[in-house]
Amino acid sequence: VLMIVELLMVVGPQHFGLDKYAAPAKHAADYSNTK
């Protein structure tokens, strides 16, 4: 329970979300994450 409360305090919806940070741009089909 303590770990869940700590996680919600750190990464809860009040700190993260599309309203806080914009969604990352989509890459093209030839994009290689490994490269």
All heavy atoms as atom14 arrays in JSON, in Angstrom:
{
  "sequence": "VLMIVELLMVVGPQHFGLDKYAAPAKHAADYSNTK",
  "atom14_mask": [
    [1, 1, 1, 1, 1, 1, 1, 0, 0, 0, 0, 0, 0, 0],
    [1, 1, 1, 1, 1, 1, 1, 1, 0, 0, 0, 0, 0, 0],
    [1, 1, 1, 1, 1, 1, 1, 1, 0, 0, 0, 0, 0, 0],
    [1, 1, 1, 1, 1, 1, 1, 1, 0, 0, 0, 0, 0, 0],
    [1, 1, 1, 1, 1, 1, 1, 0, 0, 0, 0, 0, 0, 0],
    [1, 1, 1, 1, 1, 1, 1, 1, 1, 0, 0, 0, 0, 0],
    [1, 1, 1, 1, 1, 1, 1, 1, 0, 0, 0, 0, 0, 0],
    [1, 1, 1, 1, 1, 1, 1, 1, 0, 0, 0, 0, 0, 0],
    [1, 1, 1, 1, 1, 1, 1, 1, 0, 0, 0, 0, 0, 0],
    [1, 1, 1, 1, 1, 1, 1, 0, 0, 0, 0, 0, 0, 0],
    [1, 1, 1, 1, 1, 1, 1, 0, 0, 0, 0, 0, 0, 0],
    [1, 1, 1, 1, 0, 0, 0, 0, 0, 0, 0, 0, 0, 0],
    [1, 1, 1, 1, 1, 1, 1, 0, 0, 0, 0, 0, 0, 0],
    [1, 1, 1, 1, 1, 1, 1, 1, 1, 0, 0, 0, 0, 0],
    [1, 1, 1, 1, 1, 1, 1, 1, 1, 1, 0, 0, 0, 0],
    [1, 1, 1, 1, 1, 1, 1, 1, 1, 1, 1, 0, 0, 0],
    [1, 1, 1, 1, 0, 0, 0, 0, 0, 0, 0, 0, 0, 0],
    [1, 1, 1, 1, 1, 1, 1, 1, 0, 0, 0, 0, 0, 0],
    [1, 1, 1, 1, 1, 1, 1, 1, 0, 0, 0, 0, 0, 0],
    [1, 1, 1, 1, 1, 1, 1, 1, 1, 0, 0, 0, 0, 0],
    [1, 1, 1, 1, 1, 1, 1, 1, 1, 1, 1, 1, 0, 0],
    [1, 1, 1, 1, 1, 0, 0, 0, 0, 0, 0, 0, 0, 0],
    [1, 1, 1, 1, 1, 0, 0, 0, 0, 0, 0, 0, 0, 0],
    [1, 1, 1, 1, 1, 1, 1, 0, 0, 0, 0, 0, 0, 0],
    [1, 1, 1, 1, 1, 0, 0, 0, 0, 0, 0, 0, 0, 0],
    [1, 1, 1, 1, 1, 1, 1, 1, 1, 0, 0, 0, 0, 0],
    [1, 1, 1, 1, 1, 1, 1, 1, 1, 1, 0, 0, 0, 0],
    [1, 1, 1, 1, 1, 0, 0, 0, 0, 0, 0, 0, 0, 0],
    [1, 1, 1, 1, 1, 0, 0, 0, 0, 0, 0, 0, 0, 0],
    [1, 1, 1, 1, 1, 1, 1, 1, 0, 0, 0, 0, 0, 0],
    [1, 1, 1, 1, 1, 1, 1, 1, 1, 1, 1, 1, 0, 0],
    [1, 1, 1, 1, 1, 1, 0, 0, 0, 0, 0, 0, 0, 0],
    [1, 1, 1, 1, 1, 1, 1, 1, 0, 0, 0, 0, 0, 0],
    [1, 1, 1, 1, 1, 1, 1, 0, 0, 0, 0, 0, 0, 0],
    [1, 1, 1, 1, 1, 1, 1, 1, 1, 0, 0, 0, 0, 0]
  ],
  "atom14_positions": [
    [[0.84, -1.21, 0.0], [0.0, 0.0, 0.0], [0.87, 1.26, 0.0], [0.59, 2.22, -0.73], [-0.96, -0.01, 1.21], [-1.66, 1.33, 1.37], [-1.98, -1.13, 1.06], [0.0, 0.0, 0.0], [0.0, 0.0, 0.0], [0.0, 0.0, 0.0], [0.0, 0.0, 0.0], [0.0, 0.0, 0.0], [0.0, 0.0, 0.0], [0.0, 0.0, 0.0]],
    [[1.93, 1.26, 0.82], [2.83, 2.42, 0.84], [3.48, 2.65, -0.53], [3.59, 3.79, -0.98], [3.91, 2.22, 1.91], [3.45, 2.34, 3.36], [4.61, 2.01, 4.3], [2.92, 3.74, 3.63], [0.0, 0.0, 0.0], [0.0, 0.0, 0.0], [0.0, 0.0, 0.0], [0.0, 0.0, 0.0], [0.0, 0.0, 0.0], [0.0, 0.0, 0.0]],
    [[3.87, 1.57, -1.2], [4.48, 1.72, -2.53], [3.47, 2.26, -3.54], [3.81, 3.11, -4.38], [5.04, 0.37, -3.0], [6.26, -0.09, -2.24], [6.92, -1.66, -2.83], [7.42, -1.21, -4.47], [0.0, 0.0, 0.0], [0.0, 0.0, 0.0], [0.0, 0.0, 0.0], [0.0, 0.0, 0.0], [0.0, 0.0, 0.0], [0.0, 0.0, 0.0]],
    [[2.23, 1.81, -3.47], [1.21, 2.32, -4.39], [0.97, 3.8, -4.16], [0.85, 4.6, -5.1], [-0.09, 1.5, -4.23], [0.11, 0.08, -4.76], [-1.24, 2.17, -4.97], [-1.05, -0.84, -4.5], [0.0, 0.0, 0.0], [0.0, 0.0, 0.0], [0.0, 0.0, 0.0], [0.0, 0.0, 0.0], [0.0, 0.0, 0.0], [0.0, 0.0, 0.0]],
    [[0.9, 4.21, -2.87], [0.7, 5.63, -2.56], [1.87, 6.46, -3.07], [1.67, 7.54, -3.66], [0.51, 5.81, -1.03], [0.54, 7.27, -0.66], [-0.8, 5.16, -0.59], [0.0, 0.0, 0.0], [0.0, 0.0, 0.0], [0.0, 0.0, 0.0], [0.0, 0.0, 0.0], [0.0, 0.0, 0.0], [0.0, 0.0, 0.0], [0.0, 0.0, 0.0]],
    [[3.09, 5.97, -2.87], [4.27, 6.7, -3.36], [4.26, 6.82, -4.88], [4.57, 7.88, -5.43], [5.54, 6.01, -2.89], [5.79, 6.13, -1.39], [7.01, 5.36, -0.94], [7.62, 4.69, -1.81], [7.35, 5.42, 0.24], [0.0, 0.0, 0.0], [0.0, 0.0, 0.0], [0.0, 0.0, 0.0], [0.0, 0.0, 0.0], [0.0, 0.0, 0.0]],
    [[3.9, 5.74, -5.56], [3.84, 5.78, -7.03], [2.79, 6.78, -7.51], [3.03, 7.53, -8.46], [3.54, 4.39, -7.59], [4.69, 3.39, -7.57], [4.21, 2.01, -7.99], [5.79, 3.86, -8.5], [0.0, 0.0, 0.0], [0.0, 0.0, 0.0], [0.0, 0.0, 0.0], [0.0, 0.0, 0.0], [0.0, 0.0, 0.0], [0.0, 0.0, 0.0]],
    [[1.64, 6.8, -6.85], [0.6, 7.75, -7.25], [1.03, 9.18, -6.99], [0.68, 10.1, -7.75], [-0.7, 7.43, -6.52], [-1.41, 6.15, -6.95], [-2.65, 5.9, -6.08], [-1.8, 6.22, -8.41], [0.0, 0.0, 0.0], [0.0, 0.0, 0.0], [0.0, 0.0, 0.0], [0.0, 0.0, 0.0], [0.0, 0.0, 0.0], [0.0, 0.0, 0.0]],
    [[1.79, 9.4, -5.92], [2.27, 10.75, -5.63], [3.31, 11.22, -6.64], [3.39, 12.41, -6.95], [2.86, 10.8, -4.21], [1.82, 10.66, -3.11], [2.57, 10.56, -1.46], [3.37, 12.16, -1.37], [0.0, 0.0, 0.0], [0.0, 0.0, 0.0], [0.0, 0.0, 0.0], [0.0, 0.0, 0.0], [0.0, 0.0, 0.0], [0.0, 0.0, 0.0]],
    [[4.11, 10.27, -7.16], [5.19, 10.65, -8.08], [4.71, 10.66, -9.53], [4.97, 11.6, -10.28], [6.39, 9.71, -7.9], [7.47, 10.02, -8.93], [6.96, 9.85, -6.5], [0.0, 0.0, 0.0], [0.0, 0.0, 0.0], [0.0, 0.0, 0.0], [0.0, 0.0, 0.0], [0.0, 0.0, 0.0], [0.0, 0.0, 0.0], [0.0, 0.0, 0.0]],
    [[4.03, 9.6, -9.93], [3.63, 9.47, -11.34], [2.11, 9.45, -11.49], [1.58, 8.82, -12.4], [4.25, 8.21, -11.98], [5.75, 8.32, -12.04], [3.84, 6.95, -11.23], [0.0, 0.0, 0.0], [0.0, 0.0, 0.0], [0.0, 0.0, 0.0], [0.0, 0.0, 0.0], [0.0, 0.0, 0.0], [0.0, 0.0, 0.0], [0.0, 0.0, 0.0]],
    [[1.41, 10.11, -10.61], [-0.04, 10.17, -10.68], [-0.52, 11.01, -11.85], [0.26, 11.69, -12.53], [0.0, 0.0, 0.0], [0.0, 0.0, 0.0], [0.0, 0.0, 0.0], [0.0, 0.0, 0.0], [0.0, 0.0, 0.0], [0.0, 0.0, 0.0], [0.0, 0.0, 0.0], [0.0, 0.0, 0.0], [0.0, 0.0, 0.0], [0.0, 0.0, 0.0]],
    [[-1.82, 10.99, -12.1], [-2.36, 11.75, -13.25], [-2.18, 13.25, -13.13], [-2.24, 13.96, -14.13], [-3.85, 11.37, -13.24], [-4.12, 10.87, -11.86], [-2.84, 10.26, -11.37], [0.0, 0.0, 0.0], [0.0, 0.0, 0.0], [0.0, 0.0, 0.0], [0.0, 0.0, 0.0], [0.0, 0.0, 0.0], [0.0, 0.0, 0.0], [0.0, 0.0, 0.0]],
    [[-1.96, 13.77, -11.91], [-1.75, 15.21, -11.77], [-0.39, 15.65, -12.25], [-0.15, 16.84, -12.47], [-1.95, 15.65, -10.3], [-0.89, 15.15, -9.35], [-1.22, 13.78, -8.8], [-2.09, 13.09, -9.33], [-0.54, 13.39, -7.72], [0.0, 0.0, 0.0], [0.0, 0.0, 0.0], [0.0, 0.0, 0.0], [0.0, 0.0, 0.0], [0.0, 0.0, 0.0]],
    [[0.54, 14.69, -12.44], [1.88, 15.02, -12.91], [2.12, 14.61, -14.36], [2.98, 15.16, -15.02], [2.94, 14.36, -12.02], [2.88, 14.8, -10.59], [3.17, 16.09, -10.19], [2.54, 14.13, -9.46], [3.03, 16.19, -8.87], [2.65, 15.01, -8.4], [0.0, 0.0, 0.0], [0.0, 0.0, 0.0], [0.0, 0.0, 0.0], [0.0, 0.0, 0.0]],
    [[1.4, 13.59, -14.82], [1.61, 13.09, -16.17], [0.28, 13.04, -16.91], [-0.8, 13.01, -16.31], [2.24, 11.69, -16.14], [3.67, 11.7, -15.68], [3.97, 11.49, -14.34], [4.7, 11.93, -16.55], [5.27, 11.5, -13.89], [6.01, 11.95, -16.12], [6.3, 11.74, -14.78], [0.0, 0.0, 0.0], [0.0, 0.0, 0.0], [0.0, 0.0, 0.0]],
    [[0.36, 13.0, -18.21], [-0.83, 12.94, -19.04], [-0.65, 13.77, -20.29], [0.28, 14.58, -20.41], [0.0, 0.0, 0.0], [0.0, 0.0, 0.0], [0.0, 0.0, 0.0], [0.0, 0.0, 0.0], [0.0, 0.0, 0.0], [0.0, 0.0, 0.0], [0.0, 0.0, 0.0], [0.0, 0.0, 0.0], [0.0, 0.0, 0.0], [0.0, 0.0, 0.0]],
    [[-1.55, 13.58, -21.25], [-1.44, 14.32, -22.5], [-1.71, 15.81, -22.31], [-1.3, 16.62, -23.15], [-2.42, 13.73, -23.52], [-2.1, 12.31, -24.0], [-3.15, 11.84, -24.97], [-0.72, 12.26, -24.63], [0.0, 0.0, 0.0], [0.0, 0.0, 0.0], [0.0, 0.0, 0.0], [0.0, 0.0, 0.0], [0.0, 0.0, 0.0], [0.0, 0.0, 0.0]],
    [[-2.4, 16.17, -21.22], [-2.61, 17.6, -20.98], [-1.34, 18.26, -20.42], [-1.16, 19.47, -20.54], [-3.77, 17.8, -20.01], [-3.6, 17.01, -18.73], [-2.83, 16.03, -18.74], [-4.23, 17.38, -17.72], [0.0, 0.0, 0.0], [0.0, 0.0, 0.0], [0.0, 0.0, 0.0], [0.0, 0.0, 0.0], [0.0, 0.0, 0.0], [0.0, 0.0, 0.0]],
    [[-0.44, 17.45, -19.81], [0.82, 17.98, -19.3], [1.93, 17.91, -20.34], [2.73, 18.83, -20.47], [1.25, 17.19, -18.05], [0.24, 17.21, -16.91], [0.24, 18.55, -16.2], [-0.71, 18.51, -15.01], [-0.76, 19.81, -14.32], [0.0, 0.0, 0.0], [0.0, 0.0, 0.0], [0.0, 0.0, 0.0], [0.0, 0.0, 0.0], [0.0, 0.0, 0.0]],
    [[1.98, 16.78, -21.04], [3.01, 16.57, -22.05], [2.34, 16.12, -23.34], [1.47, 15.26, -23.34], [4.02, 15.5, -21.6], [4.74, 15.84, -20.32], [4.29, 15.34, -19.1], [5.85, 16.67, -20.32], [4.93, 15.64, -17.92], [6.51, 16.98, -19.14], [6.04, 16.47, -17.95], [6.68, 16.78, -16.78], [0.0, 0.0, 0.0], [0.0, 0.0, 0.0]],
    [[2.78, 16.69, -24.43], [2.21, 16.32, -25.72], [2.65, 14.92, -26.11], [3.72, 14.45, -25.72], [2.65, 17.33, -26.79], [0.0, 0.0, 0.0], [0.0, 0.0, 0.0], [0.0, 0.0, 0.0], [0.0, 0.0, 0.0], [0.0, 0.0, 0.0], [0.0, 0.0, 0.0], [0.0, 0.0, 0.0], [0.0, 0.0, 0.0], [0.0, 0.0, 0.0]],
    [[1.82, 14.24, -26.88], [2.16, 12.9, -27.34], [3.36, 12.98, -28.28], [3.48, 13.91, -29.08], [0.97, 12.28, -28.06], [0.0, 0.0, 0.0], [0.0, 0.0, 0.0], [0.0, 0.0, 0.0], [0.0, 0.0, 0.0], [0.0, 0.0, 0.0], [0.0, 0.0, 0.0], [0.0, 0.0, 0.0], [0.0, 0.0, 0.0], [0.0, 0.0, 0.0]],
    [[4.29, 12.03, -28.18], [5.46, 12.06, -29.07], [5.04, 11.89, -30.52], [4.07, 11.21, -30.83], [6.31, 10.88, -28.59], [5.36, 9.98, -27.86], [4.32, 10.86, -27.26], [0.0, 0.0, 0.0], [0.0, 0.0, 0.0], [0.0, 0.0, 0.0], [0.0, 0.0, 0.0], [0.0, 0.0, 0.0], [0.0, 0.0, 0.0], [0.0, 0.0, 0.0]],
    [[5.81, 12.5, -31.4], [5.5, 12.43, -32.83], [5.73, 11.02, -33.35], [6.69, 10.34, -32.95], [6.36, 13.43, -33.59], [0.0, 0.0, 0.0], [0.0, 0.0, 0.0], [0.0, 0.0, 0.0], [0.0, 0.0, 0.0], [0.0, 0.0, 0.0], [0.0, 0.0, 0.0], [0.0, 0.0, 0.0], [0.0, 0.0, 0.0], [0.0, 0.0, 0.0]],
    [[4.86, 10.59, -34.25], [4.99, 9.27, -34.85], [6.13, 9.28, -35.87], [6.32, 10.25, -36.59], [3.69, 8.86, -35.53], [2.51, 8.72, -34.57], [2.71, 7.56, -33.63], [1.5, 7.4, -32.71], [1.68, 6.31, -31.75], [0.0, 0.0, 0.0], [0.0, 0.0, 0.0], [0.0, 0.0, 0.0], [0.0, 0.0, 0.0], [0.0, 0.0, 0.0]],
    [[6.87, 8.18, -35.91], [7.97, 8.08, -36.84], [7.51, 7.45, -38.15], [6.46, 6.8, -38.22], [9.11, 7.25, -36.23], [9.71, 7.88, -35.02], [10.54, 8.97, -35.07], [9.6, 7.57, -33.69], [10.92, 9.31, -33.85], [10.36, 8.47, -33.0], [0.0, 0.0, 0.0], [0.0, 0.0, 0.0], [0.0, 0.0, 0.0], [0.0, 0.0, 0.0]],
    [[8.33, 7.61, -39.16], [8.0, 7.04, -40.46], [8.17, 5.52, -40.44], [8.72, 4.95, -39.49], [8.91, 7.65, -41.53], [0.0, 0.0, 0.0], [0.0, 0.0, 0.0], [0.0, 0.0, 0.0], [0.0, 0.0, 0.0], [0.0, 0.0, 0.0], [0.0, 0.0, 0.0], [0.0, 0.0, 0.0], [0.0, 0.0, 0.0], [0.0, 0.0, 0.0]],
    [[7.71, 4.85, -41.49], [7.74, 3.39, -41.53], [9.17, 2.86, -41.61], [9.44, 1.74, -41.16], [6.93, 2.89, -42.73], [0.0, 0.0, 0.0], [0.0, 0.0, 0.0], [0.0, 0.0, 0.0], [0.0, 0.0, 0.0], [0.0, 0.0, 0.0], [0.0, 0.0, 0.0], [0.0, 0.0, 0.0], [0.0, 0.0, 0.0], [0.0, 0.0, 0.0]],
    [[10.1, 3.64, -42.17], [11.48, 3.17, -42.29], [12.33, 3.53, -41.08], [13.54, 3.36, -41.09], [12.12, 3.73, -43.56], [12.11, 5.27, -43.56], [11.41, 5.86, -42.71], [12.81, 5.86, -44.41], [0.0, 0.0, 0.0], [0.0, 0.0, 0.0], [0.0, 0.0, 0.0], [0.0, 0.0, 0.0], [0.0, 0.0, 0.0], [0.0, 0.0, 0.0]],
    [[11.71, 4.02, -40.0], [12.45, 4.38, -38.78], [12.94, 3.12, -38.09], [12.21, 2.13, -37.94], [11.55, 5.18, -37.84], [12.16, 5.45, -36.49], [13.11, 6.43, -36.32], [11.77, 4.7, -35.37], [13.67, 6.69, -35.08], [12.32, 4.95, -34.13], [13.26, 5.94, -33.99], [13.81, 6.18, -32.75], [0.0, 0.0, 0.0], [0.0, 0.0, 0.0]],
    [[14.19, 3.12, -37.65], [14.79, 1.98, -36.96], [15.24, 2.41, -35.58], [16.19, 3.2, -35.45], [15.98, 1.42, -37.77], [16.62, 0.41, -37.03], [0.0, 0.0, 0.0], [0.0, 0.0, 0.0], [0.0, 0.0, 0.0], [0.0, 0.0, 0.0], [0.0, 0.0, 0.0], [0.0, 0.0, 0.0], [0.0, 0.0, 0.0], [0.0, 0.0, 0.0]],
    [[14.57, 1.9, -34.58], [14.94, 2.2, -33.21], [16.32, 1.64, -32.87], [17.09, 2.25, -32.14], [13.88, 1.64, -32.26], [14.25, 1.82, -30.81], [14.66, 0.88, -30.15], [14.08, 3.03, -30.31], [0.0, 0.0, 0.0], [0.0, 0.0, 0.0], [0.0, 0.0, 0.0], [0.0, 0.0, 0.0], [0.0, 0.0, 0.0], [0.0, 0.0, 0.0]],
    [[16.63, 0.48, -33.42], [17.94, -0.14, -33.17], [19.07, 0.72, -33.72], [20.1, 0.92, -33.06], [17.98, -1.54, -33.8], [16.85, -2.29, -33.34], [19.26, -2.26, -33.43], [0.0, 0.0, 0.0], [0.0, 0.0, 0.0], [0.0, 0.0, 0.0], [0.0, 0.0, 0.0], [0.0, 0.0, 0.0], [0.0, 0.0, 0.0], [0.0, 0.0, 0.0]],
    [[18.88, 1.24, -34.91], [19.9, 2.09, -35.52], [20.1, 3.37, -34.7], [21.23, 3.79, -34.43], [19.5, 2.44, -36.95], [20.46, 3.37, -37.65], [19.95, 3.71, -39.05], [20.87, 4.73, -39.72], [20.36, 5.12, -41.05], [0.0, 0.0, 0.0], [0.0, 0.0, 0.0], [0.0, 0.0, 0.0], [0.0, 0.0, 0.0], [0.0, 0.0, 0.0]]
  ]
}
